N, C-alpha and C. Protein backbone atom coordinates (compact mmCIF):
# COMPACT_ATOMS: atom_id res chain seq x y z
N MET A 1 0.85 -1.17 0.00
CA MET A 1 0.00 0.00 0.00
C MET A 1 0.90 1.24 0.00
N ARG A 2 0.57 2.19 -0.82
CA ARG A 2 1.40 3.40 -0.95
C ARG A 2 1.43 4.21 0.34
N PHE A 3 0.36 4.17 1.12
CA PHE A 3 0.36 4.88 2.41
C PHE A 3 1.48 4.34 3.30
N ASN A 4 1.61 3.01 3.38
CA ASN A 4 2.67 2.41 4.20
C ASN A 4 4.05 2.80 3.68
N GLU A 5 4.18 2.90 2.38
CA GLU A 5 5.45 3.32 1.76
C GLU A 5 5.79 4.75 2.18
N LEU A 6 4.78 5.62 2.14
CA LEU A 6 4.97 7.01 2.55
C LEU A 6 5.37 7.10 4.02
N MET A 7 4.63 6.41 4.89
CA MET A 7 4.91 6.45 6.32
C MET A 7 6.27 5.82 6.65
N GLY A 8 6.65 4.79 5.90
CA GLY A 8 7.92 4.11 6.13
C GLY A 8 9.14 4.97 5.83
N GLY A 9 8.95 6.06 5.11
CA GLY A 9 10.04 6.97 4.81
C GLY A 9 10.21 8.08 5.84
N LEU A 10 9.27 8.18 6.77
CA LEU A 10 9.35 9.22 7.80
C LEU A 10 10.29 8.78 8.92
N ASP A 11 10.69 9.73 9.73
CA ASP A 11 11.60 9.42 10.83
C ASP A 11 10.95 9.75 12.17
N TYR A 12 9.98 8.94 12.53
CA TYR A 12 9.29 9.09 13.81
C TYR A 12 10.28 8.89 14.96
N PRO A 13 10.07 9.59 16.08
CA PRO A 13 10.89 9.28 17.26
C PRO A 13 10.48 7.91 17.79
N MET A 14 11.45 7.19 18.30
CA MET A 14 11.20 5.87 18.89
C MET A 14 11.22 5.99 20.41
N PHE A 15 10.43 5.16 21.05
CA PHE A 15 10.32 5.15 22.51
C PHE A 15 10.41 3.71 22.99
N ILE A 16 10.82 3.53 24.22
CA ILE A 16 10.74 2.22 24.87
C ILE A 16 9.76 2.38 26.01
N VAL A 17 8.68 1.61 25.97
CA VAL A 17 7.66 1.64 27.01
C VAL A 17 7.90 0.45 27.93
N THR A 18 7.88 0.70 29.24
CA THR A 18 8.00 -0.37 30.22
C THR A 18 6.81 -0.29 31.18
N VAL A 19 6.46 -1.44 31.72
CA VAL A 19 5.24 -1.52 32.53
C VAL A 19 5.30 -2.75 33.43
N THR A 20 4.50 -2.73 34.48
CA THR A 20 4.29 -3.91 35.30
C THR A 20 2.82 -3.97 35.69
N ASP A 21 2.33 -5.17 35.84
CA ASP A 21 0.97 -5.37 36.34
C ASP A 21 1.01 -5.77 37.82
N GLY A 22 2.18 -5.68 38.42
CA GLY A 22 2.36 -6.08 39.81
C GLY A 22 3.00 -7.45 39.92
N ASP A 23 2.87 -8.26 38.87
CA ASP A 23 3.47 -9.59 38.84
C ASP A 23 4.53 -9.71 37.76
N GLN A 24 4.21 -9.25 36.57
CA GLN A 24 5.10 -9.36 35.42
C GLN A 24 5.66 -8.00 35.04
N LEU A 25 6.88 -8.00 34.50
CA LEU A 25 7.47 -6.82 33.88
C LEU A 25 7.38 -7.00 32.37
N ALA A 26 7.21 -5.90 31.66
CA ALA A 26 7.17 -5.98 30.20
C ALA A 26 7.68 -4.66 29.63
N GLY A 27 8.10 -4.73 28.38
CA GLY A 27 8.54 -3.53 27.70
C GLY A 27 8.72 -3.79 26.22
N CYS A 28 8.58 -2.73 25.42
CA CYS A 28 8.75 -2.88 23.99
C CYS A 28 9.16 -1.55 23.37
N LEU A 29 9.74 -1.65 22.19
CA LEU A 29 10.09 -0.49 21.38
C LEU A 29 8.81 -0.03 20.67
N VAL A 30 8.54 1.27 20.73
CA VAL A 30 7.29 1.82 20.22
C VAL A 30 7.59 2.97 19.26
N GLY A 31 6.94 2.94 18.12
CA GLY A 31 7.05 4.02 17.16
C GLY A 31 5.79 4.85 17.05
N PHE A 32 4.68 4.35 17.60
CA PHE A 32 3.42 5.09 17.56
C PHE A 32 3.22 5.74 18.91
N ALA A 33 3.58 7.02 19.03
CA ALA A 33 3.44 7.75 20.29
C ALA A 33 3.60 9.24 20.00
N ALA A 34 2.93 10.07 20.80
CA ALA A 34 3.04 11.51 20.60
C ALA A 34 2.45 12.28 21.77
N GLN A 35 3.04 13.45 22.03
CA GLN A 35 2.40 14.39 22.94
C GLN A 35 1.12 14.84 22.25
N CYS A 36 0.02 14.93 23.00
CA CYS A 36 -1.24 15.29 22.37
C CYS A 36 -1.97 16.43 23.09
N SER A 37 -1.36 16.99 24.14
CA SER A 37 -1.90 18.17 24.81
C SER A 37 -0.76 18.84 25.58
N ILE A 38 -0.80 20.16 25.62
CA ILE A 38 0.20 20.93 26.36
C ILE A 38 -0.30 21.20 27.78
N GLU A 39 -1.53 21.69 27.90
CA GLU A 39 -2.09 22.01 29.21
C GLU A 39 -3.52 21.51 29.27
N PRO A 40 -3.81 20.46 29.96
CA PRO A 40 -2.85 19.71 30.77
C PRO A 40 -1.95 18.84 29.88
N ALA A 41 -0.78 18.53 30.39
CA ALA A 41 0.15 17.68 29.65
C ALA A 41 -0.47 16.29 29.46
N ARG A 42 -0.44 15.83 28.20
CA ARG A 42 -0.95 14.49 27.87
C ARG A 42 -0.05 13.89 26.80
N PHE A 43 0.07 12.58 26.84
CA PHE A 43 0.88 11.83 25.88
C PHE A 43 0.13 10.56 25.55
N MET A 44 0.09 10.22 24.27
CA MET A 44 -0.58 9.00 23.83
C MET A 44 0.46 8.02 23.32
N VAL A 45 0.34 6.78 23.74
CA VAL A 45 1.20 5.71 23.25
C VAL A 45 0.29 4.58 22.77
N TRP A 46 0.64 4.02 21.62
CA TRP A 46 -0.15 2.92 21.06
C TRP A 46 0.65 1.64 21.16
N LEU A 47 0.01 0.59 21.66
CA LEU A 47 0.65 -0.72 21.80
C LEU A 47 -0.06 -1.73 20.91
N SER A 48 0.73 -2.54 20.21
CA SER A 48 0.18 -3.59 19.38
C SER A 48 -0.54 -4.61 20.25
N LYS A 49 -1.72 -5.00 19.82
CA LYS A 49 -2.51 -5.99 20.56
C LYS A 49 -1.88 -7.38 20.53
N LYS A 50 -0.90 -7.59 19.65
CA LYS A 50 -0.21 -8.89 19.57
C LYS A 50 1.00 -8.95 20.50
N ASN A 51 1.28 -7.85 21.19
CA ASN A 51 2.50 -7.70 21.96
C ASN A 51 2.31 -8.13 23.42
N HIS A 52 3.33 -8.77 23.98
CA HIS A 52 3.32 -9.13 25.40
C HIS A 52 3.14 -7.90 26.28
N THR A 53 3.77 -6.79 25.91
CA THR A 53 3.66 -5.56 26.69
C THR A 53 2.20 -5.10 26.75
N TYR A 54 1.49 -5.24 25.66
CA TYR A 54 0.07 -4.87 25.64
C TYR A 54 -0.71 -5.69 26.68
N GLN A 55 -0.43 -6.98 26.73
CA GLN A 55 -1.14 -7.83 27.69
C GLN A 55 -0.87 -7.40 29.13
N VAL A 56 0.39 -7.12 29.44
CA VAL A 56 0.73 -6.68 30.80
C VAL A 56 0.14 -5.29 31.07
N ALA A 57 0.21 -4.41 30.08
CA ALA A 57 -0.30 -3.04 30.26
C ALA A 57 -1.82 -3.00 30.43
N SER A 58 -2.51 -4.03 29.99
CA SER A 58 -3.98 -4.02 30.10
C SER A 58 -4.44 -3.97 31.55
N ALA A 59 -3.58 -4.38 32.49
CA ALA A 59 -3.92 -4.34 33.91
C ALA A 59 -3.13 -3.28 34.67
N ALA A 60 -2.41 -2.42 33.94
CA ALA A 60 -1.53 -1.45 34.58
C ALA A 60 -2.17 -0.07 34.68
N GLU A 61 -1.77 0.66 35.71
CA GLU A 61 -2.24 2.03 35.89
C GLU A 61 -1.18 3.06 35.52
N VAL A 62 0.10 2.63 35.43
CA VAL A 62 1.21 3.54 35.15
C VAL A 62 2.13 2.89 34.11
N LEU A 63 2.63 3.69 33.18
CA LEU A 63 3.64 3.25 32.21
C LEU A 63 4.84 4.17 32.32
N ALA A 64 6.01 3.65 31.97
CA ALA A 64 7.20 4.48 31.79
C ALA A 64 7.47 4.56 30.30
N VAL A 65 7.78 5.76 29.84
CA VAL A 65 8.09 6.00 28.44
C VAL A 65 9.51 6.56 28.39
N HIS A 66 10.42 5.79 27.78
CA HIS A 66 11.82 6.17 27.67
C HIS A 66 12.09 6.75 26.29
N VAL A 67 12.96 7.76 26.23
CA VAL A 67 13.34 8.39 24.97
C VAL A 67 14.80 8.00 24.71
N PRO A 68 15.02 6.91 23.98
CA PRO A 68 16.40 6.48 23.74
C PRO A 68 17.14 7.38 22.75
N THR A 69 18.44 7.42 22.91
CA THR A 69 19.33 8.13 21.99
C THR A 69 20.10 7.09 21.19
N GLN A 70 20.95 7.54 20.29
CA GLN A 70 21.80 6.62 19.53
C GLN A 70 22.64 5.76 20.48
N ALA A 71 23.02 6.31 21.61
CA ALA A 71 23.80 5.55 22.60
C ALA A 71 23.00 4.41 23.22
N ASN A 72 21.68 4.43 23.05
CA ASN A 72 20.81 3.39 23.60
C ASN A 72 20.34 2.40 22.53
N LEU A 73 21.06 2.34 21.41
CA LEU A 73 20.65 1.43 20.34
C LEU A 73 20.59 -0.01 20.81
N ASP A 74 21.46 -0.40 21.74
CA ASP A 74 21.42 -1.76 22.28
C ASP A 74 20.11 -2.03 23.02
N LEU A 75 19.62 -1.05 23.78
CA LEU A 75 18.33 -1.21 24.46
C LEU A 75 17.19 -1.26 23.45
N ALA A 76 17.25 -0.41 22.43
CA ALA A 76 16.23 -0.43 21.40
C ALA A 76 16.20 -1.78 20.69
N THR A 77 17.37 -2.34 20.45
CA THR A 77 17.46 -3.65 19.81
C THR A 77 16.86 -4.72 20.71
N LEU A 78 17.22 -4.71 21.99
CA LEU A 78 16.66 -5.68 22.94
C LEU A 78 15.14 -5.59 23.00
N PHE A 79 14.63 -4.38 23.19
CA PHE A 79 13.18 -4.21 23.38
C PHE A 79 12.40 -4.24 22.08
N GLY A 80 13.11 -4.15 20.94
CA GLY A 80 12.43 -4.20 19.66
C GLY A 80 12.49 -5.53 18.96
N THR A 81 13.50 -6.36 19.29
CA THR A 81 13.66 -7.62 18.55
C THR A 81 13.34 -8.86 19.38
N ARG A 82 13.15 -8.70 20.65
CA ARG A 82 12.83 -9.84 21.52
C ARG A 82 11.41 -9.69 22.02
N THR A 83 10.74 -10.79 22.23
CA THR A 83 9.38 -10.74 22.76
C THR A 83 9.36 -11.25 24.20
N GLY A 84 8.58 -10.58 25.01
CA GLY A 84 8.41 -10.99 26.39
C GLY A 84 7.68 -12.32 26.53
N PHE A 85 7.09 -12.82 25.45
CA PHE A 85 6.50 -14.15 25.48
C PHE A 85 7.58 -15.22 25.63
N ASP A 86 8.81 -14.91 25.17
CA ASP A 86 9.91 -15.89 25.15
C ASP A 86 11.09 -15.54 26.04
N VAL A 87 11.31 -14.24 26.31
CA VAL A 87 12.54 -13.77 26.96
C VAL A 87 12.21 -12.77 28.06
N ASP A 88 12.92 -12.86 29.17
CA ASP A 88 12.84 -11.82 30.19
C ASP A 88 13.85 -10.74 29.84
N LYS A 89 13.39 -9.68 29.21
CA LYS A 89 14.27 -8.60 28.75
C LYS A 89 14.97 -7.92 29.92
N PHE A 90 14.33 -7.91 31.06
CA PHE A 90 14.87 -7.20 32.21
C PHE A 90 16.02 -7.95 32.86
N ASP A 91 16.20 -9.22 32.53
CA ASP A 91 17.39 -9.98 32.96
C ASP A 91 18.59 -9.59 32.11
N ARG A 92 18.36 -8.86 31.02
CA ARG A 92 19.40 -8.55 30.04
C ARG A 92 19.77 -7.06 30.00
N CYS A 93 19.25 -6.28 30.98
CA CYS A 93 19.57 -4.85 31.02
C CYS A 93 19.50 -4.35 32.46
N ALA A 94 20.05 -3.17 32.67
CA ALA A 94 20.01 -2.55 34.00
C ALA A 94 18.71 -1.76 34.15
N TRP A 95 18.06 -1.94 35.28
CA TRP A 95 16.82 -1.22 35.54
C TRP A 95 16.63 -1.08 37.04
N ARG A 96 15.70 -0.22 37.40
CA ARG A 96 15.32 -0.05 38.80
C ARG A 96 13.82 0.19 38.85
N THR A 97 13.27 0.04 40.02
CA THR A 97 11.84 0.34 40.20
C THR A 97 11.67 1.85 40.27
N GLY A 98 10.80 2.37 39.44
CA GLY A 98 10.57 3.81 39.37
C GLY A 98 9.23 4.19 39.96
N PRO A 99 8.83 5.43 39.73
CA PRO A 99 7.54 5.92 40.24
C PRO A 99 6.39 5.02 39.79
N GLY A 100 5.48 4.78 40.68
CA GLY A 100 4.34 3.92 40.36
C GLY A 100 4.70 2.46 40.24
N GLY A 101 5.94 2.10 40.62
CA GLY A 101 6.37 0.71 40.58
C GLY A 101 6.83 0.23 39.22
N VAL A 102 6.83 1.11 38.20
CA VAL A 102 7.22 0.66 36.86
C VAL A 102 8.73 0.52 36.75
N PRO A 103 9.19 -0.41 35.90
CA PRO A 103 10.63 -0.52 35.67
C PRO A 103 11.15 0.66 34.85
N VAL A 104 12.25 1.25 35.32
CA VAL A 104 12.91 2.35 34.63
C VAL A 104 14.28 1.86 34.19
N LEU A 105 14.60 2.01 32.93
CA LEU A 105 15.87 1.56 32.36
C LEU A 105 16.96 2.55 32.76
N THR A 106 17.93 2.10 33.56
CA THR A 106 18.92 3.03 34.12
C THR A 106 19.89 3.57 33.08
N ASP A 107 20.05 2.90 31.96
CA ASP A 107 20.96 3.39 30.92
C ASP A 107 20.30 4.39 29.98
N CYS A 108 19.02 4.64 30.17
CA CYS A 108 18.28 5.61 29.35
C CYS A 108 17.81 6.73 30.28
N GLN A 109 18.53 7.83 30.27
CA GLN A 109 18.29 8.91 31.24
C GLN A 109 17.09 9.80 30.90
N GLN A 110 16.58 9.68 29.69
CA GLN A 110 15.41 10.47 29.29
C GLN A 110 14.17 9.58 29.38
N TRP A 111 13.32 9.87 30.34
CA TRP A 111 12.10 9.09 30.52
C TRP A 111 11.07 9.89 31.30
N PHE A 112 9.84 9.41 31.23
CA PHE A 112 8.79 9.93 32.11
C PHE A 112 7.84 8.79 32.44
N THR A 113 7.13 8.95 33.54
CA THR A 113 6.06 8.00 33.85
C THR A 113 4.74 8.74 33.71
N GLY A 114 3.71 7.98 33.41
CA GLY A 114 2.40 8.58 33.26
C GLY A 114 1.30 7.64 33.71
N ARG A 115 0.29 8.22 34.35
CA ARG A 115 -0.90 7.46 34.74
C ARG A 115 -1.78 7.25 33.50
N VAL A 116 -2.32 6.07 33.36
CA VAL A 116 -3.21 5.78 32.25
C VAL A 116 -4.58 6.39 32.56
N LEU A 117 -4.99 7.35 31.73
CA LEU A 117 -6.28 8.01 31.91
C LEU A 117 -7.40 7.33 31.12
N SER A 118 -7.07 6.91 29.90
CA SER A 118 -8.06 6.31 29.01
C SER A 118 -7.37 5.34 28.06
N ARG A 119 -8.17 4.45 27.50
CA ARG A 119 -7.70 3.50 26.51
C ARG A 119 -8.62 3.57 25.30
N PHE A 120 -8.02 3.51 24.10
CA PHE A 120 -8.78 3.66 22.87
C PHE A 120 -8.42 2.53 21.91
N ASP A 121 -9.45 1.83 21.43
CA ASP A 121 -9.26 0.81 20.41
C ASP A 121 -9.11 1.53 19.08
N THR A 122 -7.93 1.40 18.46
CA THR A 122 -7.69 2.10 17.20
C THR A 122 -7.39 1.14 16.06
N GLY A 123 -7.79 -0.11 16.20
CA GLY A 123 -7.51 -1.12 15.17
C GLY A 123 -6.61 -2.18 15.75
N ASP A 124 -5.45 -2.42 15.11
CA ASP A 124 -4.54 -3.46 15.63
C ASP A 124 -3.68 -2.97 16.80
N HIS A 125 -3.83 -1.70 17.16
CA HIS A 125 -3.16 -1.12 18.32
C HIS A 125 -4.20 -0.50 19.26
N GLU A 126 -3.85 -0.46 20.54
CA GLU A 126 -4.67 0.25 21.50
C GLU A 126 -3.91 1.49 21.96
N GLY A 127 -4.59 2.63 21.97
CA GLY A 127 -3.98 3.87 22.44
C GLY A 127 -4.21 4.04 23.92
N LEU A 128 -3.14 4.37 24.64
CA LEU A 128 -3.23 4.65 26.07
C LEU A 128 -2.90 6.12 26.28
N LEU A 129 -3.86 6.86 26.80
CA LEU A 129 -3.68 8.28 27.08
C LEU A 129 -3.06 8.41 28.46
N LEU A 130 -1.89 9.06 28.52
CA LEU A 130 -1.14 9.18 29.77
C LEU A 130 -1.13 10.62 30.27
N ALA A 131 -1.19 10.74 31.60
CA ALA A 131 -0.96 12.01 32.27
C ALA A 131 0.42 11.93 32.90
N PRO A 132 1.43 12.57 32.30
CA PRO A 132 2.79 12.49 32.84
C PRO A 132 2.84 12.99 34.29
N ASP A 133 3.59 12.24 35.13
CA ASP A 133 3.67 12.65 36.53
C ASP A 133 5.08 12.67 37.11
N ALA A 134 6.05 12.11 36.42
CA ALA A 134 7.45 12.16 36.87
C ALA A 134 8.33 12.14 35.63
N VAL A 135 9.45 12.86 35.69
CA VAL A 135 10.36 12.94 34.55
C VAL A 135 11.76 12.59 35.03
N GLY A 136 12.48 11.82 34.21
CA GLY A 136 13.84 11.40 34.55
C GLY A 136 14.83 12.54 34.63
N PRO A 137 16.09 12.20 34.92
CA PRO A 137 17.10 13.22 35.21
C PRO A 137 17.62 14.00 34.02
N ALA A 138 17.37 13.55 32.79
CA ALA A 138 17.96 14.23 31.64
C ALA A 138 16.90 14.59 30.60
N THR A 139 17.17 15.65 29.89
CA THR A 139 16.37 16.06 28.73
C THR A 139 17.34 16.63 27.70
N GLY A 140 16.90 16.74 26.47
CA GLY A 140 17.70 17.40 25.45
C GLY A 140 18.90 16.61 24.95
N LEU A 141 18.89 15.29 25.14
CA LEU A 141 20.02 14.47 24.70
C LEU A 141 19.85 13.94 23.28
N GLY A 142 18.75 14.30 22.64
CA GLY A 142 18.47 13.79 21.30
C GLY A 142 17.56 12.58 21.38
N GLN A 143 17.37 11.96 20.24
CA GLN A 143 16.46 10.81 20.20
C GLN A 143 16.86 9.85 19.10
N LEU A 144 16.44 8.64 19.28
CA LEU A 144 16.62 7.60 18.28
C LEU A 144 15.40 7.65 17.37
N GLY A 145 15.62 7.67 16.05
CA GLY A 145 14.51 7.75 15.11
C GLY A 145 14.25 6.42 14.41
N PHE A 146 13.09 6.33 13.80
CA PHE A 146 12.67 5.12 13.11
C PHE A 146 13.68 4.67 12.07
N GLN A 147 14.25 5.61 11.33
CA GLN A 147 15.18 5.25 10.26
C GLN A 147 16.42 4.53 10.81
N GLN A 148 16.76 4.77 12.09
CA GLN A 148 17.92 4.11 12.71
C GLN A 148 17.62 2.70 13.18
N VAL A 149 16.33 2.34 13.27
CA VAL A 149 15.97 1.01 13.79
C VAL A 149 15.11 0.19 12.83
N LYS A 150 14.76 0.75 11.67
CA LYS A 150 13.83 0.04 10.79
C LYS A 150 14.40 -1.27 10.24
N HIS A 151 15.70 -1.44 10.32
CA HIS A 151 16.34 -2.68 9.87
C HIS A 151 16.16 -3.83 10.88
N LEU A 152 15.74 -3.53 12.10
CA LEU A 152 15.60 -4.56 13.13
C LEU A 152 14.44 -5.49 12.82
N ASP A 153 14.59 -6.77 13.09
CA ASP A 153 13.51 -7.73 12.94
C ASP A 153 12.70 -7.73 14.23
N ALA A 154 11.44 -7.37 14.13
CA ALA A 154 10.57 -7.24 15.30
C ALA A 154 10.39 -8.57 16.02
N GLY A 155 10.33 -8.50 17.34
CA GLY A 155 10.09 -9.68 18.15
C GLY A 155 8.70 -10.23 17.95
N ASN A 156 7.73 -9.35 17.70
CA ASN A 156 6.34 -9.70 17.38
C ASN A 156 5.93 -8.90 16.16
N GLU A 157 4.99 -9.45 15.39
CA GLU A 157 4.39 -8.64 14.33
C GLU A 157 3.61 -7.52 14.97
N ALA A 158 3.64 -6.35 14.37
CA ALA A 158 2.93 -5.20 14.95
C ALA A 158 1.43 -5.26 14.69
N GLY A 159 1.04 -5.75 13.57
CA GLY A 159 -0.38 -5.72 13.24
C GLY A 159 -0.86 -7.00 12.69
């Protein structure tokens, strides 16, 4: 489809979303996400319904959204090419418990946590509307874009 061809040429910012339902930890590389309000601050992240992170997030009240840089390509590779159905990604990276109990990736200094306000069925992805409530120690370090990771083989099909 030509629409997919057009979108595939863009350079969306990439994010790593992490979450816990109180029992399981999960996380994935996300390309569908955006700030959607300034006042009040709101951010929307879309998770593939085929993804392990989506299953864990369905019972979660808080998500962490990390903004990886080129220096975090290894984390993007881990969270983008492995599936939580088969691998414990958190055994393979440094993390700590952050606000709201969510896992925060210690090697990615740009992050925020947000309370889930609403969920929206948008097709093969579900949108989670977040109210940001805590921000990590760094900002302005740049970002990893889609064009830098599009060569990765996804751990799960997105749609």
